Amino acid sequence: MPEVMRAAMHCGYIPRSEWIDPKWEDKQNAPGGEGFADWAKECDICPGYVVRQPAVIEVCEAHGAAKAGFPSRKPAQCVVEGVVELNRSVDAYSAFLHRKAQKEREAKG
């Protein structure tokens, strides 16, 4: 991935001092396209970095266990809170995709 795109996506693997604020007037020509330009306005750090963090991985595993009803043992409260937050994030992202699709349908008429 080009360095300018990593800097614009606020890649967690490069120093914050190298990050740039994505301000594209023509969203079609933004690195990653129009969808990226919209996403970049709302996020502080690249999701590719975030999903590789140990705490996030543990919460995702706990999320799977929660769907199965935590059959083996009750998890720590911080894990339960992480699962709740993960569910909120997934719901928010799903809503974002729904709104985007709705706008695209409306634009097509």
N, C-alpha and C. Protein backbone atom coordinates (compact mmCIF):
# COMPACT_ATOMS: atom_id res chain seq x y z
N MET A 1 0.85 -1.17 0.00
CA MET A 1 0.00 0.00 0.00
C MET A 1 0.91 1.24 0.00
N PRO A 2 0.59 2.24 -0.82
CA PRO A 2 1.41 3.45 -0.86
C PRO A 2 1.47 4.15 0.51
N GLU A 3 2.61 4.73 0.81
CA GLU A 3 2.80 5.39 2.11
C GLU A 3 1.78 6.50 2.34
N VAL A 4 1.43 7.25 1.28
CA VAL A 4 0.48 8.35 1.45
C VAL A 4 -0.89 7.80 1.89
N MET A 5 -1.26 6.63 1.39
CA MET A 5 -2.54 6.05 1.79
C MET A 5 -2.47 5.56 3.23
N ARG A 6 -1.35 4.94 3.61
CA ARG A 6 -1.18 4.51 5.00
C ARG A 6 -1.25 5.71 5.94
N ALA A 7 -0.61 6.81 5.55
CA ALA A 7 -0.62 8.01 6.39
C ALA A 7 -2.03 8.59 6.47
N ALA A 8 -2.76 8.56 5.37
CA ALA A 8 -4.12 9.10 5.35
C ALA A 8 -5.08 8.21 6.14
N MET A 9 -4.80 6.90 6.19
CA MET A 9 -5.66 5.97 6.92
C MET A 9 -5.30 5.93 8.40
N HIS A 10 -4.29 6.70 8.80
CA HIS A 10 -3.83 6.72 10.19
C HIS A 10 -3.40 5.33 10.62
N CYS A 11 -2.48 4.76 9.85
CA CYS A 11 -1.96 3.42 10.11
C CYS A 11 -1.29 3.38 11.49
N GLY A 12 -1.68 2.42 12.29
CA GLY A 12 -1.12 2.28 13.63
C GLY A 12 0.31 1.78 13.65
N TYR A 13 0.80 1.33 12.49
CA TYR A 13 2.17 0.83 12.42
C TYR A 13 3.18 1.90 12.02
N ILE A 14 2.69 3.11 11.79
CA ILE A 14 3.60 4.23 11.53
C ILE A 14 3.36 5.29 12.60
N PRO A 15 4.36 6.11 12.91
CA PRO A 15 4.19 7.12 13.97
C PRO A 15 3.08 8.12 13.64
N ARG A 16 2.35 8.54 14.68
CA ARG A 16 1.29 9.52 14.49
C ARG A 16 1.81 10.80 13.83
N SER A 17 3.05 11.12 14.07
CA SER A 17 3.62 12.34 13.48
C SER A 17 3.65 12.28 11.95
N GLU A 18 3.54 11.09 11.38
CA GLU A 18 3.55 10.93 9.93
C GLU A 18 2.14 10.88 9.33
N TRP A 19 1.12 10.85 10.19
CA TRP A 19 -0.26 10.79 9.70
C TRP A 19 -0.62 12.11 9.03
N ILE A 20 -1.49 12.03 8.05
CA ILE A 20 -2.00 13.22 7.39
C ILE A 20 -3.52 13.23 7.52
N ASP A 21 -4.10 14.41 7.48
CA ASP A 21 -5.55 14.53 7.53
C ASP A 21 -6.10 14.45 6.11
N PRO A 22 -6.95 13.48 5.86
CA PRO A 22 -7.50 13.36 4.51
C PRO A 22 -8.55 14.43 4.24
N LYS A 23 -8.21 15.34 3.34
CA LYS A 23 -9.15 16.41 2.97
C LYS A 23 -9.18 16.48 1.45
N TRP A 24 -9.93 15.58 0.86
CA TRP A 24 -10.01 15.55 -0.59
C TRP A 24 -11.26 16.27 -1.04
N GLU A 25 -11.08 17.24 -1.89
CA GLU A 25 -12.23 17.95 -2.42
C GLU A 25 -12.97 17.07 -3.41
N ASP A 26 -12.24 16.31 -4.19
CA ASP A 26 -12.83 15.40 -5.16
C ASP A 26 -12.73 13.99 -4.59
N LYS A 27 -13.79 13.53 -3.94
CA LYS A 27 -13.75 12.24 -3.26
C LYS A 27 -13.50 11.09 -4.22
N GLN A 28 -13.86 11.23 -5.47
CA GLN A 28 -13.63 10.16 -6.45
C GLN A 28 -12.14 9.88 -6.62
N ASN A 29 -11.30 10.92 -6.44
CA ASN A 29 -9.87 10.75 -6.63
C ASN A 29 -9.11 10.52 -5.32
N ALA A 30 -9.81 10.33 -4.23
CA ALA A 30 -9.16 10.05 -2.95
C ALA A 30 -8.50 8.68 -3.01
N PRO A 31 -7.33 8.51 -2.35
CA PRO A 31 -6.76 7.17 -2.29
C PRO A 31 -7.79 6.23 -1.67
N GLY A 32 -8.10 5.16 -2.33
CA GLY A 32 -9.10 4.23 -1.82
C GLY A 32 -10.50 4.52 -2.29
N GLY A 33 -10.71 5.63 -3.00
CA GLY A 33 -12.01 5.95 -3.56
C GLY A 33 -12.92 6.71 -2.62
N GLU A 34 -14.13 6.94 -3.09
CA GLU A 34 -15.10 7.76 -2.37
C GLU A 34 -15.47 7.17 -1.02
N GLY A 35 -15.67 5.86 -0.96
CA GLY A 35 -16.02 5.22 0.32
C GLY A 35 -14.94 5.42 1.36
N PHE A 36 -13.69 5.37 0.94
CA PHE A 36 -12.60 5.60 1.87
C PHE A 36 -12.61 7.03 2.39
N ALA A 37 -12.87 7.98 1.51
CA ALA A 37 -12.89 9.39 1.92
C ALA A 37 -13.94 9.61 3.00
N ASP A 38 -15.11 8.99 2.85
CA ASP A 38 -16.16 9.11 3.87
C ASP A 38 -15.74 8.43 5.17
N TRP A 39 -15.16 7.25 5.06
CA TRP A 39 -14.75 6.51 6.25
C TRP A 39 -13.66 7.26 7.01
N ALA A 40 -12.70 7.81 6.28
CA ALA A 40 -11.54 8.44 6.91
C ALA A 40 -11.92 9.64 7.77
N LYS A 41 -13.04 10.28 7.46
CA LYS A 41 -13.47 11.43 8.26
C LYS A 41 -13.92 11.00 9.65
N GLU A 42 -14.36 9.76 9.80
CA GLU A 42 -14.96 9.31 11.05
C GLU A 42 -14.02 8.50 11.93
N CYS A 43 -12.89 8.06 11.42
CA CYS A 43 -12.03 7.14 12.17
C CYS A 43 -10.73 7.80 12.60
N ASP A 44 -10.25 7.40 13.76
CA ASP A 44 -8.99 7.94 14.26
C ASP A 44 -7.81 7.06 13.87
N ILE A 45 -8.03 5.77 13.68
CA ILE A 45 -6.93 4.86 13.38
C ILE A 45 -7.43 3.77 12.45
N CYS A 46 -6.55 3.27 11.63
CA CYS A 46 -6.89 2.26 10.63
C CYS A 46 -7.46 0.99 11.28
N PRO A 47 -8.56 0.48 10.76
CA PRO A 47 -9.14 -0.74 11.34
C PRO A 47 -8.24 -1.95 11.17
N GLY A 48 -7.39 -1.97 10.16
CA GLY A 48 -6.46 -3.09 9.97
C GLY A 48 -5.50 -3.23 11.15
N TYR A 49 -5.12 -2.11 11.73
CA TYR A 49 -4.26 -2.13 12.92
C TYR A 49 -5.07 -2.55 14.14
N VAL A 50 -6.24 -1.99 14.27
CA VAL A 50 -7.06 -2.24 15.45
C VAL A 50 -7.42 -3.72 15.58
N VAL A 51 -7.82 -4.35 14.48
CA VAL A 51 -8.27 -5.74 14.57
C VAL A 51 -7.16 -6.71 14.91
N ARG A 52 -5.93 -6.27 14.83
CA ARG A 52 -4.80 -7.15 15.16
C ARG A 52 -4.32 -7.00 16.60
N GLN A 53 -4.96 -6.14 17.36
CA GLN A 53 -4.58 -5.94 18.76
C GLN A 53 -5.08 -7.10 19.61
N PRO A 54 -4.24 -7.58 20.55
CA PRO A 54 -4.62 -8.75 21.36
C PRO A 54 -5.97 -8.60 22.08
N ALA A 55 -6.25 -7.43 22.63
CA ALA A 55 -7.52 -7.25 23.34
C ALA A 55 -8.70 -7.39 22.40
N VAL A 56 -8.56 -6.89 21.19
CA VAL A 56 -9.65 -6.99 20.21
C VAL A 56 -9.86 -8.45 19.82
N ILE A 57 -8.77 -9.17 19.62
CA ILE A 57 -8.88 -10.59 19.27
C ILE A 57 -9.57 -11.36 20.38
N GLU A 58 -9.20 -11.09 21.63
CA GLU A 58 -9.82 -11.78 22.76
C GLU A 58 -11.31 -11.47 22.85
N VAL A 59 -11.67 -10.22 22.62
CA VAL A 59 -13.08 -9.85 22.69
C VAL A 59 -13.86 -10.52 21.55
N CYS A 60 -13.25 -10.61 20.38
CA CYS A 60 -13.93 -11.29 19.28
C CYS A 60 -14.14 -12.77 19.59
N GLU A 61 -13.15 -13.39 20.20
CA GLU A 61 -13.32 -14.79 20.61
C GLU A 61 -14.42 -14.91 21.66
N ALA A 62 -14.46 -13.96 22.58
CA ALA A 62 -15.50 -13.97 23.61
C ALA A 62 -16.87 -13.72 23.00
N HIS A 63 -16.90 -12.91 21.95
CA HIS A 63 -18.16 -12.66 21.25
C HIS A 63 -18.73 -13.98 20.71
N GLY A 64 -17.85 -14.79 20.13
CA GLY A 64 -18.28 -16.10 19.65
C GLY A 64 -18.81 -16.96 20.78
N ALA A 65 -18.12 -16.91 21.92
CA ALA A 65 -18.58 -17.68 23.08
C ALA A 65 -19.91 -17.14 23.59
N ALA A 66 -20.09 -15.82 23.52
CA ALA A 66 -21.34 -15.23 23.99
C ALA A 66 -22.51 -15.70 23.14
N LYS A 67 -22.27 -15.82 21.84
CA LYS A 67 -23.33 -16.31 20.95
C LYS A 67 -23.71 -17.75 21.30
N ALA A 68 -22.74 -18.49 21.83
CA ALA A 68 -23.00 -19.88 22.23
C ALA A 68 -23.51 -19.97 23.66
N GLY A 69 -23.70 -18.82 24.30
CA GLY A 69 -24.24 -18.80 25.66
C GLY A 69 -23.21 -19.00 26.75
N PHE A 70 -21.94 -18.71 26.45
CA PHE A 70 -20.86 -18.90 27.42
C PHE A 70 -20.98 -20.28 28.11
N PRO A 71 -20.88 -21.34 27.33
CA PRO A 71 -21.14 -22.66 27.91
C PRO A 71 -20.17 -23.11 29.00
N SER A 72 -18.91 -22.70 28.94
CA SER A 72 -17.95 -23.25 29.90
C SER A 72 -17.90 -22.49 31.23
N ARG A 73 -17.87 -21.18 31.18
CA ARG A 73 -17.79 -20.39 32.42
C ARG A 73 -18.17 -18.95 32.13
N LYS A 74 -18.53 -18.24 33.16
CA LYS A 74 -18.88 -16.82 33.01
C LYS A 74 -17.60 -16.02 32.83
N PRO A 75 -17.54 -15.16 31.81
CA PRO A 75 -16.33 -14.37 31.57
C PRO A 75 -16.22 -13.19 32.54
N ALA A 76 -15.03 -12.61 32.58
CA ALA A 76 -14.80 -11.41 33.38
C ALA A 76 -15.67 -10.27 32.85
N GLN A 77 -16.03 -9.36 33.72
CA GLN A 77 -16.89 -8.24 33.33
C GLN A 77 -16.28 -7.41 32.20
N CYS A 78 -14.96 -7.24 32.19
CA CYS A 78 -14.34 -6.44 31.12
C CYS A 78 -14.52 -7.12 29.76
N VAL A 79 -14.55 -8.44 29.74
CA VAL A 79 -14.77 -9.15 28.48
C VAL A 79 -16.22 -8.97 28.04
N VAL A 80 -17.15 -9.05 28.98
CA VAL A 80 -18.56 -8.83 28.65
C VAL A 80 -18.74 -7.43 28.07
N GLU A 81 -18.11 -6.43 28.70
CA GLU A 81 -18.20 -5.06 28.20
C GLU A 81 -17.59 -4.94 26.81
N GLY A 82 -16.50 -5.66 26.58
CA GLY A 82 -15.88 -5.65 25.25
C GLY A 82 -16.80 -6.23 24.20
N VAL A 83 -17.50 -7.32 24.55
CA VAL A 83 -18.44 -7.93 23.61
C VAL A 83 -19.58 -6.97 23.31
N VAL A 84 -20.08 -6.29 24.33
CA VAL A 84 -21.16 -5.31 24.13
C VAL A 84 -20.68 -4.20 23.18
N GLU A 85 -19.47 -3.71 23.42
CA GLU A 85 -18.93 -2.65 22.56
C GLU A 85 -18.71 -3.15 21.13
N LEU A 86 -18.25 -4.39 20.99
CA LEU A 86 -18.08 -4.97 19.66
C LEU A 86 -19.42 -5.03 18.94
N ASN A 87 -20.44 -5.47 19.64
CA ASN A 87 -21.78 -5.52 19.04
C ASN A 87 -22.24 -4.13 18.59
N ARG A 88 -21.98 -3.12 19.41
CA ARG A 88 -22.34 -1.74 19.04
C ARG A 88 -21.60 -1.31 17.78
N SER A 89 -20.31 -1.64 17.72
CA SER A 89 -19.50 -1.25 16.56
C SER A 89 -19.99 -1.93 15.29
N VAL A 90 -20.29 -3.21 15.39
CA VAL A 90 -20.80 -3.94 14.23
C VAL A 90 -22.13 -3.35 13.78
N ASP A 91 -23.00 -3.05 14.72
CA ASP A 91 -24.28 -2.43 14.39
C ASP A 91 -24.09 -1.07 13.73
N ALA A 92 -23.17 -0.27 14.25
CA ALA A 92 -22.92 1.06 13.67
C ALA A 92 -22.37 0.94 12.25
N TYR A 93 -21.47 -0.02 12.04
CA TYR A 93 -20.92 -0.20 10.70
C TYR A 93 -22.00 -0.70 9.74
N SER A 94 -22.84 -1.61 10.19
CA SER A 94 -23.94 -2.10 9.35
C SER A 94 -24.87 -0.96 8.98
N ALA A 95 -25.16 -0.08 9.93
CA ALA A 95 -26.02 1.08 9.66
C ALA A 95 -25.36 2.01 8.64
N PHE A 96 -24.04 2.20 8.76
CA PHE A 96 -23.29 3.03 7.82
C PHE A 96 -23.42 2.45 6.41
N LEU A 97 -23.23 1.14 6.27
CA LEU A 97 -23.35 0.51 4.96
C LEU A 97 -24.77 0.63 4.41
N HIS A 98 -25.74 0.49 5.28
CA HIS A 98 -27.14 0.61 4.86
C HIS A 98 -27.44 2.02 4.35
N ARG A 99 -26.98 3.03 5.11
CA ARG A 99 -27.20 4.43 4.68
C ARG A 99 -26.53 4.70 3.34
N LYS A 100 -25.31 4.18 3.18
CA LYS A 100 -24.58 4.38 1.93
C LYS A 100 -25.33 3.74 0.76
N ALA A 101 -25.79 2.51 0.94
CA ALA A 101 -26.54 1.82 -0.11
C ALA A 101 -27.83 2.57 -0.43
N GLN A 102 -28.49 3.08 0.62
CA GLN A 102 -29.74 3.83 0.43
C GLN A 102 -29.48 5.08 -0.40
N LYS A 103 -28.40 5.81 -0.10
CA LYS A 103 -28.06 7.01 -0.86
C LYS A 103 -27.77 6.67 -2.32
N GLU A 104 -27.09 5.55 -2.53
CA GLU A 104 -26.76 5.14 -3.90
C GLU A 104 -28.04 4.80 -4.67
N ARG A 105 -28.97 4.10 -4.01
CA ARG A 105 -30.25 3.76 -4.66
C ARG A 105 -31.03 5.04 -4.99
N GLU A 106 -31.05 5.98 -4.07
CA GLU A 106 -31.79 7.23 -4.28
C GLU A 106 -31.16 8.04 -5.42
N ALA A 107 -29.83 8.01 -5.50
CA ALA A 107 -29.15 8.76 -6.55
C ALA A 107 -29.45 8.18 -7.93
N LYS A 108 -29.65 6.86 -7.99
CA LYS A 108 -29.96 6.20 -9.27
C LYS A 108 -31.41 6.43 -9.67
N GLY A 109 -32.23 6.82 -8.68
CA GLY A 109 -33.61 7.15 -8.98
C GLY A 109 -34.48 5.99 -8.92
